[in-house]
Amino acid sequence: MSDSLVIIPTYNEIENINSIVLAVMSLEIKFDVLVVDDGSPDGTAKAVLQLQKEFSDRIHLMERNKKSGLGTAYIAGFRWALEKNYRYILEMDADFSHPPQKLIELRNACVTGIADVAIGSRYTKGGGVVNWPFIRLALSRGASLYVRMITGMNVMDPTAGFVCYKSEVLENIGLDTIKFVGYAFQIEMKYKSFKLGYKLHEIPILFPDRVKGKSKMNILIIREALWGVFQMRWRA
């Protein structure tokens, strides 16, 4: 068993799941993988079960009955990881927007003590996005600035979903108090870590748009994120 677990939430990712899991398996640092599948009708979970035959001790599957939000999928994964005593718990998307090789750098930042929460960042120096339309980039950068202004966090990419947590952060953050399930979930996790005094460190990544499958982004998720920042700051 590795000391590091990568959690990959999925819904209809049959076009990506084999490739992304095998990419993680091929890294020179040993990572285990937990796929949290929200009842994908396209057979994503079945594909993971096939991969388990080759990597029975390293690939794990949590099947949920329905699509219940990104945040609830990650929290379920976090709880599973803590029960299994993983030391470093990472989250990433299935669509290769998060470069698998960077998992090593995120983990190392936590192992060496540079970070308690290491963030794969599009907007820190050396990071960037690939093949994004101008409007999407402007909205994303504007949202990041908005979050920094409201929360006071010095995190250039607060909505990032490519993150490594030390286990003690997840043990102390109060997972049962996390309110949001969409992109605001990512902000809330970082904000609570920040308020508890943990070290947040950004590592630059190049973030390409997904090539296969459909994006899960919609206007309700964006609205939750924008309004959620005010709610988080008010409660704090």
C-alpha atoms as a PDB file:
ATOM      1  CA  MET A   1       0.000   0.000   0.000  1.00  0.00           C
ATOM      2  CA  SER A   2       1.261   3.456  -0.918  1.00  0.00           C
ATOM      3  CA  ASP A   3       1.168   6.376   1.533  1.00  0.00           C
ATOM      4  CA  SER A   4      -0.452   8.516  -1.192  1.00  0.00           C
ATOM      5  CA  LEU A   5      -3.947   8.293  -2.680  1.00  0.00           C
ATOM      6  CA  VAL A   6      -5.263  10.068  -5.765  1.00  0.00           C
ATOM      7  CA  ILE A   7      -9.037  10.581  -5.729  1.00  0.00           C
ATOM      8  CA  ILE A   8     -10.692  10.895  -9.143  1.00  0.00           C
ATOM      9  CA  PRO A   9     -14.434  11.701  -9.165  1.00  0.00           C
ATOM     10  CA  THR A  10     -16.237  10.548 -12.301  1.00  0.00           C
ATOM     11  CA  TYR A  11     -19.517  10.866 -14.115  1.00  0.00           C
ATOM     12  CA  ASN A  12     -19.584   9.599 -17.707  1.00  0.00           C
ATOM     13  CA  GLU A  13     -15.809   9.514 -18.163  1.00  0.00           C
ATOM     14  CA  ILE A  14     -15.590   6.289 -20.161  1.00  0.00           C
ATOM     15  CA  GLU A  15     -13.506   8.060 -22.816  1.00  0.00           C
ATOM     16  CA  ASN A  16     -10.853   9.096 -20.287  1.00  0.00           C
ATOM     17  CA  ILE A  17     -10.871   6.751 -17.309  1.00  0.00           C
ATOM     18  CA  ASN A  18      -8.562   4.003 -18.588  1.00  0.00           C
ATOM     19  CA  SER A  19      -5.959   6.462 -19.846  1.00  0.00           C
ATOM     20  CA  ILE A  20      -5.907   8.664 -16.746  1.00  0.00           C
ATOM     21  CA  VAL A  21      -5.695   5.773 -14.273  1.00  0.00           C
ATOM     22  CA  LEU A  22      -2.945   4.041 -16.255  1.00  0.00           C
ATOM     23  CA  ALA A  23      -1.058   7.348 -16.450  1.00  0.00           C
ATOM     24  CA  VAL A  24      -1.079   7.524 -12.656  1.00  0.00           C
ATOM     25  CA  MET A  25      -0.067   3.866 -12.361  1.00  0.00           C
ATOM     26  CA  SER A  26       2.951   4.496 -14.605  1.00  0.00           C
ATOM     27  CA  LEU A  27       4.486   7.271 -12.478  1.00  0.00           C
ATOM     28  CA  GLU A  28       7.842   6.608 -10.838  1.00  0.00           C
ATOM     29  CA  ILE A  29       6.348   7.440  -7.432  1.00  0.00           C
ATOM     30  CA  LYS A  30       3.760   4.894  -6.319  1.00  0.00           C
ATOM     31  CA  PHE A  31       0.264   6.315  -5.966  1.00  0.00           C
ATOM     32  CA  ASP A  32      -2.920   4.404  -5.211  1.00  0.00           C
ATOM     33  CA  VAL A  33      -6.117   5.550  -6.950  1.00  0.00           C
ATOM     34  CA  LEU A  34      -9.695   5.793  -5.703  1.00  0.00           C
ATOM     35  CA  VAL A  35     -12.320   6.432  -8.378  1.00  0.00           C
ATOM     36  CA  VAL A  36     -15.560   7.810  -6.936  1.00  0.00           C
ATOM     37  CA  ASP A  37     -18.192   7.180  -9.588  1.00  0.00           C
ATOM     38  CA  ASP A  38     -21.633   8.759  -9.360  1.00  0.00           C
ATOM     39  CA  GLY A  39     -23.616   6.076 -11.168  1.00  0.00           C
ATOM     40  CA  SER A  40     -22.245   6.779 -14.649  1.00  0.00           C
ATOM     41  CA  PRO A  41     -24.588   5.199 -17.218  1.00  0.00           C
ATOM     42  CA  ASP A  42     -21.748   4.999 -19.767  1.00  0.00           C
ATOM     43  CA  GLY A  43     -19.906   2.161 -17.996  1.00  0.00           C
ATOM     44  CA  THR A  44     -17.133   4.137 -16.286  1.00  0.00           C
ATOM     45  CA  ALA A  45     -17.333   1.974 -13.158  1.00  0.00           C
ATOM     46  CA  LYS A  46     -17.148  -1.249 -15.189  1.00  0.00           C
ATOM     47  CA  ALA A  47     -13.968   0.012 -16.849  1.00  0.00           C
ATOM     48  CA  VAL A  48     -12.426   0.620 -13.422  1.00  0.00           C
ATOM     49  CA  LEU A  49     -13.359  -2.900 -12.330  1.00  0.00           C
ATOM     50  CA  GLN A  50     -11.476  -4.234 -15.341  1.00  0.00           C
ATOM     51  CA  LEU A  51      -8.401  -2.193 -14.390  1.00  0.00           C
ATOM     52  CA  GLN A  52      -8.577  -3.614 -10.865  1.00  0.00           C
ATOM     53  CA  LYS A  53      -7.795  -7.060 -12.261  1.00  0.00           C
ATOM     54  CA  GLU A  54      -4.318  -5.814 -13.160  1.00  0.00           C
ATOM     55  CA  PHE A  55      -3.775  -3.502 -10.154  1.00  0.00           C
ATOM     56  CA  SER A  56      -5.940  -5.091  -7.476  1.00  0.00           C
ATOM     57  CA  ASP A  57      -4.012  -3.579  -4.561  1.00  0.00           C
ATOM     58  CA  ARG A  58      -3.683  -0.070  -6.000  1.00  0.00           C
ATOM     59  CA  ILE A  59      -6.936   0.787  -7.800  1.00  0.00           C
ATOM     60  CA  HIS A  60     -10.095   1.190  -5.753  1.00  0.00           C
ATOM     61  CA  LEU A  61     -13.683   2.013  -6.711  1.00  0.00           C
ATOM     62  CA  MET A  62     -16.449   3.696  -4.748  1.00  0.00           C
ATOM     63  CA  GLU A  63     -19.805   3.492  -6.525  1.00  0.00           C
ATOM     64  CA  ARG A  64     -22.552   5.932  -5.611  1.00  0.00           C
ATOM     65  CA  ASN A  65     -26.139   5.723  -6.816  1.00  0.00           C
ATOM     66  CA  LYS A  66     -26.473   9.092  -8.479  1.00  0.00           C
ATOM     67  CA  LYS A  67     -24.730  12.315  -9.394  1.00  0.00           C
ATOM     68  CA  SER A  68     -24.529  14.207  -6.101  1.00  0.00           C
ATOM     69  CA  GLY A  69     -21.969  16.936  -6.676  1.00  0.00           C
ATOM     70  CA  LEU A  70     -18.203  17.209  -6.850  1.00  0.00           C
ATOM     71  CA  GLY A  71     -17.844  18.211  -3.218  1.00  0.00           C
ATOM     72  CA  THR A  72     -19.754  15.245  -1.812  1.00  0.00           C
ATOM     73  CA  ALA A  73     -17.725  12.882  -4.018  1.00  0.00           C
ATOM     74  CA  TYR A  74     -14.456  14.277  -2.695  1.00  0.00           C
ATOM     75  CA  ILE A  75     -15.615  14.260   0.917  1.00  0.00           C
ATOM     76  CA  ALA A  76     -16.632  10.610   0.586  1.00  0.00           C
ATOM     77  CA  GLY A  77     -13.198   9.924  -0.867  1.00  0.00           C
ATOM     78  CA  PHE A  78     -11.438  11.892   1.868  1.00  0.00           C
ATOM     79  CA  ARG A  79     -13.231   9.925   4.577  1.00  0.00           C
ATOM     80  CA  TRP A  80     -12.288   6.639   2.886  1.00  0.00           C
ATOM     81  CA  ALA A  81      -8.658   7.746   2.614  1.00  0.00           C
ATOM     82  CA  LEU A  82      -8.464   8.727   6.293  1.00  0.00           C
ATOM     83  CA  GLU A  83      -9.967   5.391   7.341  1.00  0.00           C
ATOM     84  CA  LYS A  84      -7.239   3.650   5.322  1.00  0.00           C
ATOM     85  CA  ASN A  85      -4.517   5.827   6.927  1.00  0.00           C
ATOM     86  CA  TYR A  86      -3.144   7.467   3.775  1.00  0.00           C
ATOM     87  CA  ARG A  87      -0.659  10.235   4.587  1.00  0.00           C
ATOM     88  CA  TYR A  88      -1.009  12.316   1.412  1.00  0.00           C
ATOM     89  CA  ILE A  89      -4.393  12.635  -0.264  1.00  0.00           C
ATOM     90  CA  LEU A  90      -4.638  14.174  -3.709  1.00  0.00           C
ATOM     91  CA  GLU A  91      -7.533  15.169  -5.939  1.00  0.00           C
ATOM     92  CA  MET A  92      -7.596  15.466  -9.716  1.00  0.00           C
ATOM     93  CA  ASP A  93      -9.962  15.436 -12.690  1.00  0.00           C
ATOM     94  CA  ALA A  94     -10.291  12.509 -15.060  1.00  0.00           C
ATOM     95  CA  ASP A  95     -10.003  14.514 -18.286  1.00  0.00           C
ATOM     96  CA  PHE A  96      -6.218  15.248 -18.353  1.00  0.00           C
ATOM     97  CA  SER A  97      -6.724  18.926 -17.556  1.00  0.00           C
ATOM     98  CA  HIS A  98      -4.500  18.109 -14.585  1.00  0.00           C
ATOM     99  CA  PRO A  99      -1.138  16.716 -15.799  1.00  0.00           C
ATOM    100  CA  PRO A 100      -0.501  13.389 -14.001  1.00  0.00           C
ATOM    101  CA  GLN A 101       3.278  13.955 -13.800  1.00  0.00           C
ATOM    102  CA  LYS A 102       2.635  16.973 -11.548  1.00  0.00           C
ATOM    103  CA  LEU A 103       1.209  14.665  -8.878  1.00  0.00           C
ATOM    104  CA  ILE A 104       4.801  13.975  -7.873  1.00  0.00           C
ATOM    105  CA  GLU A 105       5.590  17.659  -7.395  1.00  0.00           C
ATOM    106  CA  LEU A 106       2.411  18.263  -5.391  1.00  0.00           C
ATOM    107  CA  ARG A 107       3.191  15.327  -3.113  1.00  0.00           C
ATOM    108  CA  ASN A 108       6.816  16.374  -2.683  1.00  0.00           C
ATOM    109  CA  ALA A 109       5.758  19.861  -1.561  1.00  0.00           C
ATOM    110  CA  CYS A 110       3.853  18.242   1.306  1.00  0.00           C
ATOM    111  CA  VAL A 111       6.499  15.605   2.059  1.00  0.00           C
ATOM    112  CA  THR A 112       9.257  18.224   2.384  1.00  0.00           C
ATOM    113  CA  GLY A 113       7.152  20.567   4.520  1.00  0.00           C
ATOM    114  CA  ILE A 114       6.891  23.355   1.967  1.00  0.00           C
ATOM    115  CA  ALA A 115       3.129  22.921   2.087  1.00  0.00           C
ATOM    116  CA  ASP A 116       0.332  21.413   4.114  1.00  0.00           C
ATOM    117  CA  VAL A 117      -1.904  22.003   1.093  1.00  0.00           C
ATOM    118  CA  ALA A 118      -0.173  21.973  -2.308  1.00  0.00           C
ATOM    119  CA  ILE A 119      -2.172  23.476  -5.181  1.00  0.00           C
ATOM    120  CA  GLY A 120      -1.669  22.875  -8.901  1.00  0.00           C
ATOM    121  CA  SER A 121      -2.099  26.460 -10.074  1.00  0.00           C
ATOM    122  CA  ARG A 122      -2.924  27.905 -13.473  1.00  0.00           C
ATOM    123  CA  TYR A 123      -2.296  31.487 -12.416  1.00  0.00           C
ATOM    124  CA  THR A 124       0.905  31.461 -10.397  1.00  0.00           C
ATOM    125  CA  LYS A 125       4.156  32.288 -12.215  1.00  0.00           C
ATOM    126  CA  GLY A 126       4.943  29.586 -14.757  1.00  0.00           C
ATOM    127  CA  GLY A 127       1.360  28.303 -14.996  1.00  0.00           C
ATOM    128  CA  GLY A 128      -1.193  28.847 -17.716  1.00  0.00           C
ATOM    129  CA  VAL A 129      -4.125  27.530 -19.702  1.00  0.00           C
ATOM    130  CA  VAL A 130      -4.213  26.034 -23.191  1.00  0.00           C
ATOM    131  CA  ASN A 131      -6.917  26.408 -25.849  1.00  0.00           C
ATOM    132  CA  TRP A 132      -9.289  28.443 -23.718  1.00  0.00           C
ATOM    133  CA  PRO A 133     -11.478  31.109 -25.349  1.00  0.00           C
ATOM    134  CA  PHE A 134     -10.853  34.645 -24.133  1.00  0.00           C
ATOM    135  CA  ILE A 135     -14.219  34.927 -22.351  1.00  0.00           C
ATOM    136  CA  ARG A 136     -13.622  31.772 -20.316  1.00  0.00           C
ATOM    137  CA  LEU A 137     -10.133  32.886 -19.326  1.00  0.00           C
ATOM    138  CA  ALA A 138     -11.351  36.361 -18.354  1.00  0.00           C
ATOM    139  CA  LEU A 139     -14.162  34.908 -16.230  1.00  0.00           C
ATOM    140  CA  SER A 140     -11.806  32.483 -14.504  1.00  0.00           C
ATOM    141  CA  ARG A 141      -9.152  35.096 -13.739  1.00  0.00           C
ATOM    142  CA  GLY A 142     -11.806  37.546 -12.608  1.00  0.00           C
ATOM    143  CA  ALA A 143     -13.314  34.955 -10.279  1.00  0.00           C
ATOM    144  CA  SER A 144      -9.882  34.237  -8.780  1.00  0.00           C
ATOM    145  CA  LEU A 145      -9.277  37.943  -8.122  1.00  0.00           C
ATOM    146  CA  TYR A 146     -12.746  38.255  -6.593  1.00  0.00           C
ATOM    147  CA  VAL A 147     -12.070  35.326  -4.229  1.00  0.00           C
ATOM    148  CA  ARG A 148      -8.725  36.768  -3.115  1.00  0.00           C
ATOM    149  CA  MET A 149     -10.268  40.166  -2.428  1.00  0.00           C
ATOM    150  CA  ILE A 150     -13.146  38.757  -0.367  1.00  0.00           C
ATOM    151  CA  THR A 151     -11.269  36.084   1.583  1.00  0.00           C
ATOM    152  CA  GLY A 152      -7.831  37.627   1.982  1.00  0.00           C
ATOM    153  CA  MET A 153      -6.165  34.395   0.823  1.00  0.00           C
ATOM    154  CA  ASN A 154      -2.971  34.931  -1.140  1.00  0.00           C
ATOM    155  CA  VAL A 155      -3.792  32.078  -3.511  1.00  0.00           C
ATOM    156  CA  MET A 156      -3.698  32.922  -7.197  1.00  0.00           C
ATOM    157  CA  ASP A 157      -5.897  29.979  -8.240  1.00  0.00           C
ATOM    158  CA  PRO A 158      -8.381  29.436  -5.389  1.00  0.00           C
ATOM    159  CA  THR A 159     -10.833  27.427  -7.525  1.00  0.00           C
ATOM    160  CA  ALA A 160      -8.150  24.892  -8.517  1.00  0.00           C
ATOM    161  CA  GLY A 161      -9.168  21.251  -8.213  1.00  0.00           C
ATOM    162  CA  PHE A 162      -5.679  19.727  -8.443  1.00  0.00           C
ATOM    163  CA  VAL A 163      -4.574  19.569  -4.819  1.00  0.00           C
ATOM    164  CA  CYS A 164      -2.554  17.511  -2.334  1.00  0.00           C
ATOM    165  CA  TYR A 165      -3.568  17.553   1.341  1.00  0.00           C
ATOM    166  CA  LYS A 166      -1.650  16.239   4.294  1.00  0.00           C
ATOM    167  CA  SER A 167      -3.933  13.891   6.195  1.00  0.00           C
ATOM    168  CA  GLU A 168      -3.977  16.093   9.309  1.00  0.00           C
ATOM    169  CA  VAL A 169      -5.520  18.942   7.318  1.00  0.00           C
ATOM    170  CA  LEU A 170      -8.468  16.761   6.348  1.00  0.00           C
ATOM    171  CA  GLU A 171      -8.703  15.385   9.884  1.00  0.00           C
ATOM    172  CA  ASN A 172      -8.927  18.875  11.399  1.00  0.00           C
ATOM    173  CA  ILE A 173     -10.801  20.838   8.759  1.00  0.00           C
ATOM    174  CA  GLY A 174     -14.232  19.559   9.778  1.00  0.00           C
ATOM    175  CA  LEU A 175     -15.419  17.712   6.682  1.00  0.00           C
ATOM    176  CA  ASP A 176     -18.951  17.565   8.067  1.00  0.00           C
ATOM    177  CA  THR A 177     -19.055  21.392   8.091  1.00  0.00           C
ATOM    178  CA  ILE A 178     -18.278  21.809   4.368  1.00  0.00           C
ATOM    179  CA  LYS A 179     -21.362  23.431   2.835  1.00  0.00           C
ATOM    180  CA  PHE A 180     -20.738  23.577  -0.896  1.00  0.00           C
ATOM    181  CA  VAL A 181     -20.746  20.898  -3.590  1.00  0.00           C
ATOM    182  CA  GLY A 182     -19.646  22.689  -6.789  1.00  0.00           C
ATOM    183  CA  TYR A 183     -16.636  24.906  -7.510  1.00  0.00           C
ATOM    184  CA  ALA A 184     -17.272  26.737  -4.239  1.00  0.00           C
ATOM    185  CA  PHE A 185     -16.258  23.480  -2.561  1.00  0.00           C
ATOM    186  CA  GLN A 186     -12.684  23.984  -3.786  1.00  0.00           C
ATOM    187  CA  ILE A 187     -12.633  27.538  -2.441  1.00  0.00           C
ATOM    188  CA  GLU A 188     -14.134  26.502   0.896  1.00  0.00           C
ATOM    189  CA  MET A 189     -11.566  23.738   1.433  1.00  0.00           C
ATOM    190  CA  LYS A 190      -8.683  26.158   0.845  1.00  0.00           C
ATOM    191  CA  TYR A 191     -10.258  28.908   2.930  1.00  0.00           C
ATOM    192  CA  LYS A 192     -10.816  26.626   5.920  1.00  0.00           C
ATOM    193  CA  SER A 193      -7.227  25.360   5.629  1.00  0.00           C
ATOM    194  CA  PHE A 194      -6.022  28.971   5.475  1.00  0.00           C
ATOM    195  CA  LYS A 195      -8.071  30.005   8.522  1.00  0.00           C
ATOM    196  CA  LEU A 196      -6.638  27.078  10.504  1.00  0.00           C
ATOM    197  CA  GLY A 197      -3.129  28.333   9.788  1.00  0.00           C
ATOM    198  CA  TYR A 198      -2.000  25.616   7.390  1.00  0.00           C
ATOM    199  CA  LYS A 199       0.585  26.418   4.716  1.00  0.00           C
ATOM    200  CA  LEU A 200      -0.886  26.734   1.209  1.00  0.00           C
ATOM    201  CA  HIS A 201       1.655  26.561  -1.612  1.00  0.00           C
ATOM    202  CA  GLU A 202       1.023  26.852  -5.350  1.00  0.00           C
ATOM    203  CA  ILE A 203       2.839  24.845  -8.006  1.00  0.00           C
ATOM    204  CA  PRO A 204       2.496  26.014 -11.630  1.00  0.00           C
ATOM    205  CA  ILE A 205       0.712  23.769 -14.112  1.00  0.00           C
ATOM    206  CA  LEU A 206      -0.403  24.088 -17.713  1.00  0.00           C
ATOM    207  CA  PHE A 207      -4.123  23.427 -17.868  1.00  0.00           C
ATOM    208  CA  PRO A 208      -5.464  22.334 -21.282  1.00  0.00           C
ATOM    209  CA  ASP A 209      -9.145  22.219 -22.111  1.00  0.00           C
ATOM    210  CA  ARG A 210     -10.568  18.698 -22.103  1.00  0.00           C
ATOM    211  CA  VAL A 211     -10.324  16.854 -25.417  1.00  0.00           C
ATOM    212  CA  LYS A 212     -12.738  13.972 -24.725  1.00  0.00           C
ATOM    213  CA  GLY A 213     -16.063  13.958 -22.916  1.00  0.00           C
ATOM    214  CA  LYS A 214     -18.224  16.859 -21.811  1.00  0.00           C
ATOM    215  CA  SER A 215     -17.498  19.556 -19.265  1.00  0.00           C
ATOM    216  CA  LYS A 216     -19.574  19.482 -16.059  1.00  0.00           C
ATOM    217  CA  MET A 217     -19.466  23.302 -15.721  1.00  0.00           C
ATOM    218  CA  ASN A 218     -22.809  25.135 -15.718  1.00  0.00           C
ATOM    219  CA  ILE A 219     -24.271  28.458 -14.591  1.00  0.00           C
ATOM    220  CA  LEU A 220     -25.558  27.034 -11.282  1.00  0.00           C
ATOM    221  CA  ILE A 221     -22.031  25.957 -10.308  1.00  0.00           C
ATOM    222  CA  ILE A 222     -20.671  29.422 -11.149  1.00  0.00           C
ATOM    223  CA  ARG A 223     -23.447  31.134  -9.182  1.00  0.00           C
ATOM    224  CA  GLU A 224     -22.780  28.904  -6.160  1.00  0.00           C
ATOM    225  CA  ALA A 225     -19.101  29.821  -6.253  1.00  0.00           C
ATOM    226  CA  LEU A 226     -19.689  33.573  -6.448  1.00  0.00           C
ATOM    227  CA  TRP A 227     -22.336  33.688  -3.739  1.00  0.00           C
ATOM    228  CA  GLY A 228     -20.579  31.068  -1.652  1.00  0.00           C
ATOM    229  CA  VAL A 229     -17.500  33.263  -1.175  1.00  0.00           C
ATOM    230  CA  PHE A 230     -19.611  35.910   0.562  1.00  0.00           C
ATOM    231  CA  GLN A 231     -21.212  33.262   2.770  1.00  0.00           C
ATOM    232  CA  MET A 232     -17.825  31.794   3.748  1.00  0.00           C
ATOM    233  CA  ARG A 233     -16.408  35.205   4.635  1.00  0.00           C
ATOM    234  CA  TRP A 234     -19.514  36.143   6.613  1.00  0.00           C
ATOM    235  CA  ARG A 235     -19.460  32.912   8.640  1.00  0.00           C
ATOM    236  CA  ALA A 236     -15.742  33.359   9.353  1.00  0.00           C
END
